[in-house]
């Protein structure tokens, strides 16, 4: 019998935490508050980018209040944000980073990393 005992890592892996940050805004906030995730700049970047995408989603909801033109703009906004969100989730779980054009610069600044 060989001794292959390894010390298990505590908590989530970095890729998993980055990907989970995009699953609603709640995990993103948790990762910004709870150690050791709040000390990892990559996880913080994904958490902030998720929060800003959530703000964009909320803004599209507000625009939908306006009849006809608001509905068109809101639906196009929802579709755009959904595609961006999906690309972010896929890249985050695979260990990469998808930079959303305007949001990633702000998220990088908040996380203290280079965009």
Protein backbone atom coordinates (compact mmCIF):
# COMPACT_ATOMS: atom_id res chain seq x y z
CA UNK A 1 0.00 0.00 0.00
CA UNK A 2 1.54 3.26 -1.09
CA UNK A 3 1.15 6.40 0.91
CA UNK A 4 -0.47 8.90 -1.43
CA UNK A 5 -2.17 10.94 1.24
CA UNK A 6 -2.30 14.56 0.31
CA UNK A 7 -3.46 17.44 2.36
CA UNK A 8 -6.75 18.58 0.86
CA UNK A 9 -7.04 22.24 -0.04
CA UNK A 10 -9.43 24.17 2.09
CA UNK A 11 -12.18 26.02 0.29
CA UNK A 12 -12.80 26.32 -3.41
CA UNK A 13 -10.20 26.32 -6.14
CA UNK A 14 -9.48 29.68 -7.76
CA UNK A 15 -11.19 28.74 -11.05
CA UNK A 16 -14.29 27.50 -9.25
CA UNK A 17 -14.54 30.63 -7.11
CA UNK A 18 -14.08 32.85 -10.18
CA UNK A 19 -16.83 31.02 -12.05
CA UNK A 20 -19.21 30.95 -9.10
CA UNK A 21 -18.83 34.70 -8.69
CA UNK A 22 -20.97 35.07 -11.82
CA UNK A 23 -23.83 32.91 -10.51
CA UNK A 24 -26.01 35.75 -9.18
CA UNK A 25 -24.64 38.72 -7.31
CA UNK A 26 -24.68 37.03 -3.87
CA UNK A 27 -21.58 34.80 -4.31
CA UNK A 28 -19.72 37.78 -5.78
CA UNK A 29 -20.39 39.81 -2.64
CA UNK A 30 -19.46 36.86 -0.43
CA UNK A 31 -16.13 36.44 -2.24
CA UNK A 32 -15.37 40.13 -1.69
CA UNK A 33 -15.98 39.80 2.05
CA UNK A 34 -14.79 36.33 3.07
CA UNK A 35 -11.12 35.38 3.45
CA UNK A 36 -9.13 33.88 1.71
CA UNK A 37 -11.08 34.82 -1.42
CA UNK A 38 -10.98 38.55 -0.73
CA UNK A 39 -7.19 38.54 -0.90
CA UNK A 40 -6.98 36.95 -4.35
CA UNK A 41 -6.93 39.68 -7.04
CA UNK A 42 -8.24 37.35 -9.76
CA UNK A 43 -11.29 36.32 -7.72
CA UNK A 44 -11.89 39.95 -6.77
CA UNK A 45 -11.76 40.96 -10.45
CA UNK A 46 -14.39 38.39 -11.40
CA UNK A 47 -16.56 39.31 -8.41
CA UNK A 48 -16.49 43.01 -9.30
CA UNK A 49 -17.13 42.32 -12.97
CA UNK A 50 -20.12 40.17 -11.97
CA UNK A 51 -21.50 42.96 -9.79
CA UNK A 52 -21.16 45.48 -12.62
CA UNK A 53 -22.88 43.10 -15.05
CA UNK A 54 -25.68 42.81 -12.48
CA UNK A 55 -25.97 46.58 -12.38
CA UNK A 56 -26.22 46.60 -16.18
CA UNK A 57 -28.95 43.94 -15.99
CA UNK A 58 -30.84 46.10 -13.48
CA UNK A 59 -30.46 49.16 -15.73
CA UNK A 60 -32.03 47.18 -18.60
CA UNK A 61 -34.91 46.33 -16.28
CA UNK A 62 -35.48 50.00 -15.55
CA UNK A 63 -35.41 50.87 -19.27
CA UNK A 64 -38.09 48.23 -19.90
CA UNK A 65 -40.58 50.44 -18.04
CA UNK A 66 -40.76 52.73 -21.09
CA UNK A 67 -43.23 51.33 -23.65
CA UNK A 68 -42.16 50.22 -27.14
CA UNK A 69 -38.69 51.83 -27.49
CA UNK A 70 -37.75 50.87 -23.94
CA UNK A 71 -38.84 47.32 -24.58
CA UNK A 72 -36.70 47.08 -27.70
CA UNK A 73 -33.65 48.63 -26.03
CA UNK A 74 -34.18 46.58 -22.88
CA UNK A 75 -34.47 43.27 -24.74
CA UNK A 76 -31.35 44.02 -26.80
CA UNK A 77 -29.56 44.99 -23.59
CA UNK A 78 -30.65 41.78 -21.86
CA UNK A 79 -29.44 39.68 -24.78
CA UNK A 80 -26.11 41.50 -24.91
CA UNK A 81 -25.53 41.19 -21.17
CA UNK A 82 -26.55 37.53 -21.23
CA UNK A 83 -24.01 36.73 -23.97
CA UNK A 84 -21.28 38.68 -22.13
CA UNK A 85 -22.19 36.93 -18.86
CA UNK A 86 -22.07 33.50 -20.52
CA UNK A 87 -18.64 34.23 -22.02
CA UNK A 88 -17.39 35.42 -18.61
CA UNK A 89 -18.66 32.26 -16.89
CA UNK A 90 -17.05 29.94 -19.45
CA UNK A 91 -13.72 31.75 -19.35
CA UNK A 92 -13.70 32.00 -15.54
CA UNK A 93 -14.35 28.29 -15.00
CA UNK A 94 -11.57 27.46 -17.49
CA UNK A 95 -9.08 29.71 -15.69
CA UNK A 96 -9.16 32.60 -18.14
CA UNK A 97 -10.55 36.08 -18.10
CA UNK A 98 -12.99 37.70 -20.53
CA UNK A 99 -12.70 41.46 -20.41
CA UNK A 100 -16.08 43.13 -20.91
CA UNK A 101 -15.25 46.36 -22.80
CA UNK A 102 -16.14 49.10 -20.29
CA UNK A 103 -16.75 47.06 -17.16
CA UNK A 104 -13.43 45.20 -17.01
CA UNK A 105 -11.40 48.38 -16.57
CA UNK A 106 -13.50 49.45 -13.62
CA UNK A 107 -13.45 45.93 -12.14
CA UNK A 108 -9.67 45.72 -12.51
CA UNK A 109 -9.27 49.06 -10.76
CA UNK A 110 -11.51 47.92 -7.89
CA UNK A 111 -9.66 44.59 -7.61
CA UNK A 112 -6.23 46.21 -7.84
CA UNK A 113 -5.08 44.29 -10.93
CA UNK A 114 -4.05 45.29 -14.43
CA UNK A 115 -6.79 44.88 -17.05
